N, C-alpha and C. Protein backbone atom coordinates (compact mmCIF):
# COMPACT_ATOMS: atom_id res chain seq x y z
N UNK A 1 109.16 135.14 85.64
CA UNK A 1 108.09 134.26 85.16
C UNK A 1 108.31 132.86 85.73
N UNK A 2 107.24 132.25 86.21
CA UNK A 2 107.31 130.87 86.70
C UNK A 2 107.29 129.95 85.50
N UNK A 3 108.42 129.27 85.30
CA UNK A 3 108.62 128.50 84.08
C UNK A 3 109.48 127.28 84.40
N UNK A 4 109.17 126.17 83.73
CA UNK A 4 110.00 124.98 83.85
C UNK A 4 110.48 124.63 82.44
N UNK A 5 111.80 124.60 82.28
CA UNK A 5 112.39 124.26 80.99
C UNK A 5 112.41 122.76 80.78
N UNK A 6 112.04 122.36 79.57
CA UNK A 6 112.08 120.96 79.16
C UNK A 6 113.18 120.82 78.11
N UNK A 7 113.16 119.75 77.36
CA UNK A 7 114.16 119.54 76.30
C UNK A 7 113.82 120.32 75.04
N UNK A 8 114.81 120.52 74.20
CA UNK A 8 114.65 121.07 72.86
C UNK A 8 113.93 122.42 72.83
N UNK A 9 114.19 123.25 73.81
CA UNK A 9 113.58 124.57 73.83
C UNK A 9 112.13 124.60 74.28
N UNK A 10 111.59 123.46 74.66
CA UNK A 10 110.22 123.42 75.16
C UNK A 10 110.20 123.88 76.61
N UNK A 11 109.05 124.39 77.04
CA UNK A 11 108.91 124.78 78.44
C UNK A 11 107.44 124.84 78.83
N UNK A 12 107.21 124.91 80.13
CA UNK A 12 105.88 124.99 80.70
C UNK A 12 105.82 126.29 81.50
N UNK A 13 104.71 127.02 81.38
CA UNK A 13 104.57 128.27 82.12
C UNK A 13 103.09 128.59 82.31
N UNK A 14 102.83 129.64 83.09
CA UNK A 14 101.46 130.12 83.32
C UNK A 14 101.17 131.30 82.41
N UNK A 15 99.91 131.38 81.98
CA UNK A 15 99.45 132.54 81.24
C UNK A 15 97.95 132.66 81.48
N UNK A 16 97.40 133.72 80.98
CA UNK A 16 95.98 133.97 81.14
C UNK A 16 95.18 132.90 80.39
N UNK A 17 94.20 132.35 81.08
CA UNK A 17 93.30 131.39 80.47
C UNK A 17 91.89 131.97 80.43
N UNK A 18 90.90 131.12 80.35
CA UNK A 18 89.51 131.57 80.31
C UNK A 18 89.08 132.25 81.60
N UNK A 19 89.59 131.75 82.73
CA UNK A 19 89.09 132.20 84.03
C UNK A 19 90.06 133.03 84.84
N UNK A 20 91.35 132.78 84.69
CA UNK A 20 92.33 133.46 85.52
C UNK A 20 93.70 133.44 84.86
N UNK A 21 94.71 133.87 85.58
CA UNK A 21 96.08 133.91 85.05
C UNK A 21 96.87 132.64 85.36
N UNK A 22 96.18 131.59 85.77
CA UNK A 22 96.85 130.37 86.21
C UNK A 22 96.68 129.21 85.23
N UNK A 23 96.51 129.51 83.96
CA UNK A 23 96.40 128.44 82.97
C UNK A 23 97.81 127.92 82.66
N UNK A 24 97.98 126.61 82.73
CA UNK A 24 99.28 126.00 82.44
C UNK A 24 99.37 125.78 80.93
N UNK A 25 100.47 126.25 80.35
CA UNK A 25 100.71 126.06 78.92
C UNK A 25 102.05 125.35 78.73
N UNK A 26 102.08 124.54 77.70
CA UNK A 26 103.32 123.91 77.27
C UNK A 26 103.69 124.52 75.92
N UNK A 27 104.89 125.05 75.81
CA UNK A 27 105.36 125.65 74.57
C UNK A 27 106.25 124.64 73.88
N UNK A 28 105.93 124.38 72.62
CA UNK A 28 106.68 123.41 71.84
C UNK A 28 107.81 124.09 71.07
N UNK A 29 108.59 123.31 70.36
CA UNK A 29 109.77 123.82 69.65
C UNK A 29 109.45 124.97 68.72
N UNK A 30 108.30 124.94 68.07
CA UNK A 30 107.93 125.96 67.09
C UNK A 30 107.23 127.16 67.75
N UNK A 31 107.38 127.29 69.06
CA UNK A 31 106.76 128.35 69.87
C UNK A 31 105.24 128.28 69.89
N UNK A 32 104.69 127.16 69.48
CA UNK A 32 103.25 126.95 69.57
C UNK A 32 102.93 126.55 71.01
N UNK A 33 101.92 127.19 71.60
CA UNK A 33 101.58 126.85 72.98
C UNK A 33 100.24 126.13 73.02
N UNK A 34 100.13 125.22 73.98
CA UNK A 34 98.86 124.53 74.19
C UNK A 34 98.73 124.21 75.67
N UNK A 35 97.50 124.18 76.12
CA UNK A 35 97.23 123.82 77.50
C UNK A 35 97.10 122.30 77.58
N UNK A 36 97.99 121.62 78.33
CA UNK A 36 97.87 120.17 78.45
C UNK A 36 96.54 119.80 79.11
N UNK A 37 95.90 118.80 78.60
CA UNK A 37 94.61 118.35 79.12
C UNK A 37 94.81 117.13 80.02
N UNK A 38 93.97 117.03 81.06
CA UNK A 38 94.05 115.90 81.97
C UNK A 38 94.07 114.58 81.22
N UNK A 39 93.18 114.41 80.28
CA UNK A 39 93.08 113.15 79.55
C UNK A 39 94.40 112.78 78.89
N UNK A 40 95.13 113.78 78.37
CA UNK A 40 96.39 113.51 77.68
C UNK A 40 97.45 113.00 78.64
N UNK A 41 97.66 113.71 79.73
CA UNK A 41 98.73 113.25 80.62
C UNK A 41 98.30 112.07 81.47
N UNK A 42 96.99 111.88 81.68
CA UNK A 42 96.53 110.66 82.35
C UNK A 42 96.84 109.44 81.49
N UNK A 43 96.64 109.56 80.17
CA UNK A 43 96.96 108.44 79.26
C UNK A 43 98.45 108.10 79.33
N UNK A 44 99.28 109.13 79.33
CA UNK A 44 100.72 108.89 79.40
C UNK A 44 101.11 108.24 80.73
N UNK A 45 100.57 108.74 81.83
CA UNK A 45 100.87 108.14 83.13
C UNK A 45 100.42 106.69 83.19
N UNK A 46 99.27 106.40 82.62
CA UNK A 46 98.75 105.02 82.61
C UNK A 46 99.73 104.10 81.88
N UNK A 47 100.26 104.58 80.75
CA UNK A 47 101.24 103.78 80.00
C UNK A 47 102.51 103.54 80.83
N UNK A 48 102.98 104.57 81.49
CA UNK A 48 104.18 104.42 82.31
C UNK A 48 103.93 103.52 83.52
N UNK A 49 102.69 103.46 83.99
CA UNK A 49 102.39 102.59 85.13
C UNK A 49 102.51 101.11 84.77
N UNK A 50 102.46 100.81 83.51
CA UNK A 50 102.67 99.42 83.05
C UNK A 50 104.16 99.08 83.13
N UNK A 51 104.99 100.05 82.84
CA UNK A 51 106.44 99.84 82.85
C UNK A 51 106.99 99.88 84.28
N UNK A 52 106.54 100.84 85.09
CA UNK A 52 107.15 101.09 86.39
C UNK A 52 106.31 100.73 87.61
N UNK A 53 105.13 100.33 87.47
CA UNK A 53 104.11 100.02 88.47
C UNK A 53 103.35 101.28 88.88
N UNK A 54 102.09 101.06 89.10
CA UNK A 54 101.18 102.14 89.53
C UNK A 54 101.62 102.69 90.88
N UNK A 55 102.07 101.81 91.74
CA UNK A 55 102.45 102.22 93.09
C UNK A 55 103.65 103.17 93.09
N UNK A 56 104.64 102.87 92.26
CA UNK A 56 105.83 103.74 92.19
C UNK A 56 105.44 105.14 91.70
N UNK A 57 104.68 105.18 90.62
CA UNK A 57 104.30 106.49 90.07
C UNK A 57 103.45 107.26 91.07
N UNK A 58 102.51 106.57 91.72
CA UNK A 58 101.66 107.25 92.70
C UNK A 58 102.49 107.76 93.89
N UNK A 59 103.39 106.92 94.38
CA UNK A 59 104.24 107.31 95.52
C UNK A 59 105.07 108.54 95.16
N UNK A 60 105.64 108.55 93.97
CA UNK A 60 106.45 109.69 93.55
C UNK A 60 105.59 110.94 93.35
N UNK A 61 104.40 110.75 92.80
CA UNK A 61 103.48 111.88 92.66
C UNK A 61 103.14 112.48 94.03
N UNK A 62 102.90 111.63 95.01
CA UNK A 62 102.53 112.10 96.35
C UNK A 62 103.66 112.90 96.99
N UNK A 63 104.90 112.54 96.72
CA UNK A 63 106.03 113.34 97.22
C UNK A 63 105.91 114.77 96.69
N UNK A 64 105.65 114.90 95.40
CA UNK A 64 105.50 116.22 94.78
C UNK A 64 104.26 116.92 95.33
N UNK A 65 103.18 116.19 95.45
CA UNK A 65 101.92 116.71 96.00
C UNK A 65 102.16 117.31 97.39
N UNK A 66 102.87 116.58 98.23
CA UNK A 66 103.12 117.04 99.60
C UNK A 66 103.96 118.32 99.64
N UNK A 67 104.81 118.52 98.65
CA UNK A 67 105.66 119.71 98.60
C UNK A 67 104.97 120.92 97.96
N UNK A 68 103.85 120.69 97.30
CA UNK A 68 103.17 121.74 96.54
C UNK A 68 102.38 122.67 97.44
N UNK A 69 102.59 123.97 97.24
CA UNK A 69 101.81 125.01 97.90
C UNK A 69 101.18 125.87 96.80
N UNK A 70 100.72 127.04 97.15
CA UNK A 70 100.19 127.94 96.14
C UNK A 70 101.27 128.82 95.50
N UNK A 71 102.53 128.57 95.84
CA UNK A 71 103.66 129.35 95.34
C UNK A 71 104.62 128.44 94.57
N UNK A 72 105.02 128.88 93.38
CA UNK A 72 105.99 128.16 92.57
C UNK A 72 107.33 128.15 93.29
N UNK A 73 107.97 126.97 93.39
CA UNK A 73 109.21 126.83 94.15
C UNK A 73 110.22 126.02 93.33
N UNK A 74 111.33 126.65 92.99
CA UNK A 74 112.36 125.96 92.20
C UNK A 74 112.92 124.74 92.93
N UNK A 75 112.88 124.72 94.25
CA UNK A 75 113.34 123.54 94.99
C UNK A 75 112.45 122.34 94.71
N UNK A 76 111.18 122.56 94.49
CA UNK A 76 110.28 121.45 94.13
C UNK A 76 110.61 120.97 92.72
N UNK A 77 110.93 121.89 91.84
CA UNK A 77 111.33 121.51 90.47
C UNK A 77 112.59 120.65 90.52
N UNK A 78 113.53 121.01 91.38
CA UNK A 78 114.75 120.20 91.55
C UNK A 78 114.40 118.81 92.08
N UNK A 79 113.45 118.73 92.99
CA UNK A 79 113.00 117.44 93.52
C UNK A 79 112.34 116.61 92.41
N UNK A 80 111.53 117.26 91.58
CA UNK A 80 110.91 116.56 90.46
C UNK A 80 111.99 115.99 89.54
N UNK A 81 113.02 116.78 89.30
CA UNK A 81 114.13 116.31 88.47
C UNK A 81 114.81 115.10 89.11
N UNK A 82 115.04 115.16 90.40
CA UNK A 82 115.67 114.05 91.12
C UNK A 82 114.80 112.79 91.05
N UNK A 83 113.52 112.94 91.28
CA UNK A 83 112.59 111.80 91.19
C UNK A 83 112.59 111.24 89.77
N UNK A 84 112.54 112.12 88.78
CA UNK A 84 112.47 111.70 87.38
C UNK A 84 113.69 110.89 86.97
N UNK A 85 114.83 111.19 87.56
CA UNK A 85 116.05 110.46 87.22
C UNK A 85 115.98 108.98 87.61
N UNK A 86 115.05 108.60 88.49
CA UNK A 86 114.89 107.19 88.85
C UNK A 86 114.13 106.40 87.77
N UNK A 87 113.67 107.10 86.74
CA UNK A 87 112.93 106.45 85.66
C UNK A 87 113.82 106.18 84.43
N UNK A 88 115.12 106.18 84.66
CA UNK A 88 116.11 105.81 83.65
C UNK A 88 115.88 106.53 82.33
N UNK A 89 115.76 105.76 81.23
CA UNK A 89 115.67 106.39 79.90
C UNK A 89 114.37 107.16 79.69
N UNK A 90 113.43 107.03 80.58
CA UNK A 90 112.16 107.77 80.47
C UNK A 90 112.16 109.03 81.33
N UNK A 91 113.30 109.39 81.89
CA UNK A 91 113.35 110.50 82.84
C UNK A 91 112.82 111.81 82.27
N UNK A 92 113.08 112.11 81.02
CA UNK A 92 112.61 113.38 80.45
C UNK A 92 111.09 113.40 80.31
N UNK A 93 110.51 112.28 79.90
CA UNK A 93 109.05 112.23 79.77
C UNK A 93 108.38 112.33 81.14
N UNK A 94 108.95 111.65 82.12
CA UNK A 94 108.38 111.70 83.48
C UNK A 94 108.56 113.10 84.08
N UNK A 95 109.72 113.71 83.84
CA UNK A 95 109.93 115.09 84.32
C UNK A 95 108.86 116.02 83.75
N UNK A 96 108.56 115.88 82.48
CA UNK A 96 107.53 116.70 81.84
C UNK A 96 106.18 116.47 82.49
N UNK A 97 105.80 115.21 82.67
CA UNK A 97 104.48 114.90 83.25
C UNK A 97 104.36 115.39 84.69
N UNK A 98 105.35 115.11 85.51
CA UNK A 98 105.30 115.57 86.90
C UNK A 98 105.36 117.10 86.99
N UNK A 99 106.07 117.74 86.07
CA UNK A 99 106.12 119.20 86.05
C UNK A 99 104.77 119.80 85.69
N UNK A 100 104.10 119.21 84.71
CA UNK A 100 102.75 119.66 84.35
C UNK A 100 101.82 119.50 85.55
N UNK A 101 101.89 118.35 86.20
CA UNK A 101 101.05 118.12 87.38
C UNK A 101 101.37 119.11 88.50
N UNK A 102 102.64 119.36 88.73
CA UNK A 102 103.05 120.31 89.76
C UNK A 102 102.45 121.69 89.49
N UNK A 103 102.63 122.16 88.28
CA UNK A 103 102.11 123.49 87.95
C UNK A 103 100.58 123.52 87.98
N UNK A 104 99.95 122.43 87.57
CA UNK A 104 98.49 122.35 87.62
C UNK A 104 97.99 122.38 89.07
N UNK A 105 98.72 121.72 89.97
CA UNK A 105 98.32 121.74 91.38
C UNK A 105 98.47 123.15 91.97
N UNK A 106 99.52 123.86 91.60
CA UNK A 106 99.67 125.25 92.06
C UNK A 106 98.48 126.07 91.55
N UNK A 107 98.12 125.87 90.30
CA UNK A 107 96.98 126.59 89.73
C UNK A 107 95.71 126.29 90.51
N UNK A 108 95.50 125.02 90.85
CA UNK A 108 94.32 124.64 91.64
C UNK A 108 94.34 125.30 93.02
N UNK A 109 95.52 125.40 93.61
CA UNK A 109 95.65 126.04 94.92
C UNK A 109 95.34 127.54 94.84
N UNK A 110 95.55 128.14 93.68
CA UNK A 110 95.33 129.56 93.50
C UNK A 110 93.97 129.90 92.90
N UNK A 111 93.18 128.89 92.60
CA UNK A 111 91.87 129.13 92.02
C UNK A 111 91.00 129.88 93.03
N UNK A 112 90.39 130.96 92.57
CA UNK A 112 89.57 131.80 93.45
C UNK A 112 88.43 130.99 94.05
N UNK A 113 88.33 131.06 95.38
CA UNK A 113 87.24 130.40 96.08
C UNK A 113 87.37 128.89 96.20
N UNK A 114 88.54 128.35 95.91
CA UNK A 114 88.70 126.89 95.96
C UNK A 114 88.48 126.35 97.37
N UNK A 115 87.87 125.20 97.43
CA UNK A 115 87.73 124.48 98.70
C UNK A 115 88.51 123.16 98.64
N UNK A 116 88.92 122.80 97.45
CA UNK A 116 89.59 121.51 97.26
C UNK A 116 91.06 121.67 96.86
N UNK A 117 91.40 122.71 96.16
CA UNK A 117 92.78 122.95 95.75
C UNK A 117 93.40 121.78 95.00
N UNK A 118 94.63 121.48 95.38
CA UNK A 118 95.41 120.44 94.69
C UNK A 118 94.82 119.05 94.86
N UNK A 119 93.92 118.88 95.83
CA UNK A 119 93.32 117.55 96.03
C UNK A 119 92.57 117.07 94.79
N UNK A 120 92.11 118.01 93.95
CA UNK A 120 91.44 117.66 92.69
C UNK A 120 92.36 116.79 91.84
N UNK A 121 93.60 117.22 91.68
CA UNK A 121 94.57 116.45 90.86
C UNK A 121 94.89 115.12 91.53
N UNK A 122 95.07 115.15 92.84
CA UNK A 122 95.40 113.89 93.53
C UNK A 122 94.27 112.88 93.37
N UNK A 123 93.03 113.34 93.44
CA UNK A 123 91.91 112.42 93.29
C UNK A 123 91.91 111.78 91.91
N UNK A 124 92.17 112.58 90.89
CA UNK A 124 92.25 112.04 89.53
C UNK A 124 93.35 111.01 89.40
N UNK A 125 94.53 111.29 89.95
CA UNK A 125 95.67 110.36 89.88
C UNK A 125 95.38 109.12 90.74
N UNK A 126 94.76 109.31 91.88
CA UNK A 126 94.37 108.19 92.76
C UNK A 126 93.44 107.22 92.02
N UNK A 127 92.43 107.77 91.37
CA UNK A 127 91.49 106.92 90.63
C UNK A 127 92.15 106.29 89.41
N UNK A 128 93.07 106.98 88.79
CA UNK A 128 93.77 106.46 87.62
C UNK A 128 94.68 105.29 88.00
N UNK A 129 95.50 105.49 89.02
CA UNK A 129 96.53 104.51 89.34
C UNK A 129 96.09 103.49 90.38
N UNK A 130 95.62 103.93 91.52
CA UNK A 130 95.31 102.98 92.59
C UNK A 130 93.94 102.33 92.45
N UNK A 131 93.00 103.05 91.87
CA UNK A 131 91.67 102.46 91.62
C UNK A 131 91.59 101.84 90.23
N UNK A 132 92.65 102.02 89.45
CA UNK A 132 92.83 101.40 88.13
C UNK A 132 91.69 101.70 87.15
N UNK A 133 91.27 102.96 87.11
CA UNK A 133 90.27 103.38 86.13
C UNK A 133 90.95 103.89 84.87
N UNK A 134 90.18 103.98 83.79
CA UNK A 134 90.78 104.45 82.55
C UNK A 134 90.90 105.98 82.57
N UNK A 135 91.81 106.50 81.76
CA UNK A 135 92.09 107.93 81.76
C UNK A 135 90.86 108.80 81.46
N UNK A 136 90.02 108.36 80.54
CA UNK A 136 88.84 109.14 80.20
C UNK A 136 87.93 109.32 81.42
N UNK A 137 87.71 108.22 82.14
CA UNK A 137 86.88 108.29 83.35
C UNK A 137 87.49 109.28 84.35
N UNK A 138 88.79 109.13 84.60
CA UNK A 138 89.46 109.94 85.62
C UNK A 138 89.48 111.43 85.27
N UNK A 139 89.52 111.73 83.98
CA UNK A 139 89.53 113.12 83.56
C UNK A 139 88.15 113.77 83.67
N UNK A 140 87.10 112.96 83.76
CA UNK A 140 85.75 113.51 83.68
C UNK A 140 84.81 113.19 84.83
N UNK A 141 85.13 112.24 85.69
CA UNK A 141 84.14 111.78 86.65
C UNK A 141 83.75 112.81 87.71
N UNK A 142 84.57 113.83 87.91
CA UNK A 142 84.25 114.85 88.92
C UNK A 142 83.33 115.94 88.37
N UNK A 143 83.20 116.02 87.07
CA UNK A 143 82.38 117.07 86.46
C UNK A 143 80.94 116.93 86.93
N UNK A 144 80.38 118.04 87.36
CA UNK A 144 79.01 118.05 87.82
C UNK A 144 78.84 117.73 89.30
N UNK A 145 79.91 117.27 89.94
CA UNK A 145 79.85 117.00 91.38
C UNK A 145 80.14 118.29 92.15
N UNK A 146 79.47 118.47 93.27
CA UNK A 146 79.78 119.65 94.08
C UNK A 146 81.01 119.35 94.94
N UNK A 147 81.56 120.41 95.53
CA UNK A 147 82.82 120.26 96.26
C UNK A 147 82.69 119.30 97.43
N UNK A 148 81.52 119.22 98.05
CA UNK A 148 81.35 118.33 99.20
C UNK A 148 81.43 116.86 98.77
N UNK A 149 80.88 116.54 97.62
CA UNK A 149 80.97 115.16 97.11
C UNK A 149 82.42 114.80 96.80
N UNK A 150 83.13 115.73 96.19
CA UNK A 150 84.54 115.49 95.85
C UNK A 150 85.38 115.41 97.11
N UNK A 151 85.10 116.28 98.06
CA UNK A 151 85.80 116.26 99.35
C UNK A 151 85.63 114.89 100.02
N UNK A 152 84.44 114.35 99.98
CA UNK A 152 84.17 113.03 100.59
C UNK A 152 85.00 111.94 99.92
N UNK A 153 85.12 112.01 98.58
CA UNK A 153 85.94 111.04 97.85
C UNK A 153 87.42 111.18 98.23
N UNK A 154 87.86 112.42 98.42
CA UNK A 154 89.25 112.65 98.84
C UNK A 154 89.49 112.06 100.22
N UNK A 155 88.58 112.30 101.13
CA UNK A 155 88.72 111.77 102.49
C UNK A 155 88.73 110.25 102.47
N UNK A 156 87.86 109.64 101.66
CA UNK A 156 87.85 108.18 101.52
C UNK A 156 89.19 107.67 100.98
N UNK A 157 89.84 108.49 100.12
CA UNK A 157 91.15 108.12 99.57
C UNK A 157 92.31 108.38 100.52
N UNK A 158 92.02 109.03 101.65
CA UNK A 158 93.06 109.25 102.66
C UNK A 158 93.78 110.58 102.53
N UNK A 159 93.20 111.52 101.83
CA UNK A 159 93.85 112.84 101.68
C UNK A 159 92.82 113.96 101.68
């Protein structure tokens, strides 16, 4: 099973969702599972960008983005751990957030018929951090846009 262990018995893994078997779930201490929502982790990233700078978080995210394929790779998880350790006392929270993003990007890469793949997540993070938009906007602004419109925004962002 493709799984990333967090603290206190928590972990992140894939399971069947509404559309496919690539739904990312976070299991909490009480074995309750929930699918992390973009708005939730965008809010957390925005808060950390105040502490560590938007540029640092974006640069570190892009390292993970560049390593992401459609296959889960424990070496990428090790890299996420290494990157997270640069966030000092917040390393566990950052490891969780980057791990969720990593697994979500793999899911996007495996989405049937995708034309955008992981670029969807990068665009959201790009608008959140470098374009300095609020998390609600970044979680929702692509809804209703066709892939060509989103592709154009990605190209304008340099990816």
